[in-house]
């Protein structure tokens, strides 16, 4: 672990990242990290999770909604699915996700929203199946 990984912002970021994405996801990402991408993992933990996601002005629910909309608008399919799954931890409801994707349709385009809706539906179905099992 380098100096960044021992900073207070990194520690806060790791706590927030785990709270939003869950221990299983974060542990899997950490286990898959190599010397090549470890600096990137540290960067996102400190900057995205420790600085942005840990700020108090917006709730985790609100940040979740904004993040899903932005990722959908950018066509980041894997990230959309990951953050839809994270709604189980952030408090964002399925209605919240639907409303966010309606905004995407108007402001970023119907094809982007349509594709993200497909991803959200698949992800919610997987989550329901896992809960029922």
Protein backbone atom coordinates (compact mmCIF):
# COMPACT_ATOMS: atom_id res chain seq x y z
CA UNK A 1 0.00 0.00 0.00
CA UNK A 2 1.41 3.39 -0.93
CA UNK A 3 0.98 6.79 0.70
CA UNK A 4 -2.30 7.44 -1.16
CA UNK A 5 -3.81 4.20 0.10
CA UNK A 6 -3.09 5.22 3.68
CA UNK A 7 -4.54 8.75 3.45
CA UNK A 8 -7.66 9.77 5.34
CA UNK A 9 -9.44 10.52 2.05
CA UNK A 10 -8.60 7.01 0.82
CA UNK A 11 -9.89 5.44 4.05
CA UNK A 12 -13.11 7.47 3.81
CA UNK A 13 -13.40 6.54 0.14
CA UNK A 14 -13.02 2.85 0.88
CA UNK A 15 -15.70 3.05 3.58
CA UNK A 16 -18.08 4.86 1.20
CA UNK A 17 -17.25 2.55 -1.70
CA UNK A 18 -18.03 -0.48 0.47
CA UNK A 19 -21.26 1.11 1.74
CA UNK A 20 -22.48 1.78 -1.81
CA UNK A 21 -21.13 -1.15 -3.84
CA UNK A 22 -20.89 -3.77 -1.10
CA UNK A 23 -17.97 -5.71 0.31
CA UNK A 24 -18.20 -8.52 -2.26
CA UNK A 25 -17.79 -6.13 -5.21
CA UNK A 26 -14.98 -4.13 -3.59
CA UNK A 27 -13.13 -7.24 -2.44
CA UNK A 28 -13.40 -8.71 -5.95
CA UNK A 29 -12.02 -5.49 -7.49
CA UNK A 30 -9.16 -5.41 -4.98
CA UNK A 31 -8.31 -9.06 -5.60
CA UNK A 32 -8.24 -8.48 -9.36
CA UNK A 33 -5.99 -5.42 -9.13
CA UNK A 34 -2.52 -5.74 -10.60
CA UNK A 35 0.51 -3.47 -10.46
CA UNK A 36 -0.77 -1.98 -13.73
CA UNK A 37 -4.23 -0.92 -12.52
CA UNK A 38 -3.65 -0.56 -8.76
CA UNK A 39 -2.94 3.20 -9.18
CA UNK A 40 -6.31 3.54 -10.93
CA UNK A 41 -8.11 1.68 -8.14
CA UNK A 42 -6.47 3.98 -5.60
CA UNK A 43 -7.42 7.05 -7.67
CA UNK A 44 -11.10 6.16 -7.89
CA UNK A 45 -11.24 5.15 -4.24
CA UNK A 46 -9.72 8.44 -3.13
CA UNK A 47 -11.21 10.84 -5.69
CA UNK A 48 -14.61 9.42 -6.66
CA UNK A 49 -15.50 7.70 -3.40
CA UNK A 50 -13.45 9.67 -0.84
CA UNK A 51 -14.00 13.11 -2.25
CA UNK A 52 -17.20 13.20 -4.33
CA UNK A 53 -19.39 10.38 -2.96
CA UNK A 54 -18.44 11.23 0.64
CA UNK A 55 -19.51 14.87 0.46
CA UNK A 56 -22.49 15.67 2.71
CA UNK A 57 -24.52 17.96 0.40
CA UNK A 58 -26.26 15.10 -1.44
CA UNK A 59 -27.44 11.83 0.03
CA UNK A 60 -26.23 8.49 -1.30
CA UNK A 61 -29.70 8.09 -2.82
CA UNK A 62 -29.39 11.38 -4.70
CA UNK A 63 -25.84 10.63 -5.84
CA UNK A 64 -27.00 7.20 -7.00
CA UNK A 65 -29.74 8.73 -9.16
CA UNK A 66 -27.39 11.31 -10.69
CA UNK A 67 -24.71 8.68 -11.32
CA UNK A 68 -27.10 6.30 -13.07
CA UNK A 69 -28.37 9.09 -15.31
CA UNK A 70 -24.86 10.21 -16.23
CA UNK A 71 -23.63 6.70 -16.92
CA UNK A 72 -26.71 5.95 -19.03
CA UNK A 73 -26.20 9.15 -21.02
CA UNK A 74 -22.58 8.17 -21.64
CA UNK A 75 -23.48 4.61 -22.66
CA UNK A 76 -21.43 3.02 -19.88
CA UNK A 77 -23.37 -0.24 -19.74
CA UNK A 78 -21.33 -2.15 -17.16
CA UNK A 79 -21.24 0.85 -14.87
CA UNK A 80 -25.02 1.37 -15.25
CA UNK A 81 -25.62 -2.23 -14.16
CA UNK A 82 -23.20 -1.89 -11.23
CA UNK A 83 -24.87 1.29 -10.00
CA UNK A 84 -28.40 -0.09 -10.50
CA UNK A 85 -27.31 -3.03 -8.32
CA UNK A 86 -25.94 -0.52 -5.77
CA UNK A 87 -29.41 0.99 -5.32
CA UNK A 88 -29.99 -1.83 -2.83
CA UNK A 89 -27.47 0.02 -0.63
CA UNK A 90 -28.14 3.66 -1.52
CA UNK A 91 -31.88 3.82 -0.99
CA UNK A 92 -32.64 4.81 -4.58
CA UNK A 93 -35.87 3.12 -5.61
CA UNK A 94 -36.83 1.57 -8.91
CA UNK A 95 -39.10 4.57 -9.42
CA UNK A 96 -36.07 6.84 -8.89
CA UNK A 97 -34.15 4.92 -11.55
CA UNK A 98 -37.09 5.12 -13.96
CA UNK A 99 -37.40 8.87 -13.42
CA UNK A 100 -33.66 9.35 -13.95
CA UNK A 101 -33.82 7.41 -17.20
CA UNK A 102 -36.78 9.49 -18.40
CA UNK A 103 -34.53 12.53 -17.97
CA UNK A 104 -31.83 10.75 -19.93
CA UNK A 105 -34.32 10.20 -22.77
CA UNK A 106 -35.08 13.91 -23.00
CA UNK A 107 -31.63 15.37 -22.37
CA UNK A 108 -29.29 12.72 -23.79
CA UNK A 109 -31.45 10.80 -26.25
CA UNK A 110 -34.05 8.08 -26.45
CA UNK A 111 -31.61 5.37 -27.64
CA UNK A 112 -29.36 5.91 -24.60
CA UNK A 113 -32.32 5.74 -22.23
CA UNK A 114 -33.86 2.77 -24.02
CA UNK A 115 -30.64 0.80 -23.71
CA UNK A 116 -30.16 1.77 -20.06
CA UNK A 117 -33.76 0.75 -19.29
CA UNK A 118 -33.01 -2.67 -20.76
CA UNK A 119 -29.92 -2.95 -18.55
CA UNK A 120 -31.82 -1.76 -15.45
CA UNK A 121 -34.63 -4.26 -16.06
CA UNK A 122 -32.15 -7.13 -16.44
CA UNK A 123 -30.26 -6.05 -13.33
CA UNK A 124 -33.40 -5.72 -11.22
CA UNK A 125 -34.56 -9.16 -12.44
CA UNK A 126 -31.20 -10.65 -11.38
CA UNK A 127 -31.47 -8.95 -8.01
CA UNK A 128 -35.01 -10.30 -7.54
CA UNK A 129 -33.88 -13.81 -8.49
CA UNK A 130 -30.98 -13.64 -6.03
CA UNK A 131 -33.31 -12.44 -3.28
CA UNK A 132 -35.80 -15.26 -3.99
CA UNK A 133 -33.07 -17.93 -3.95
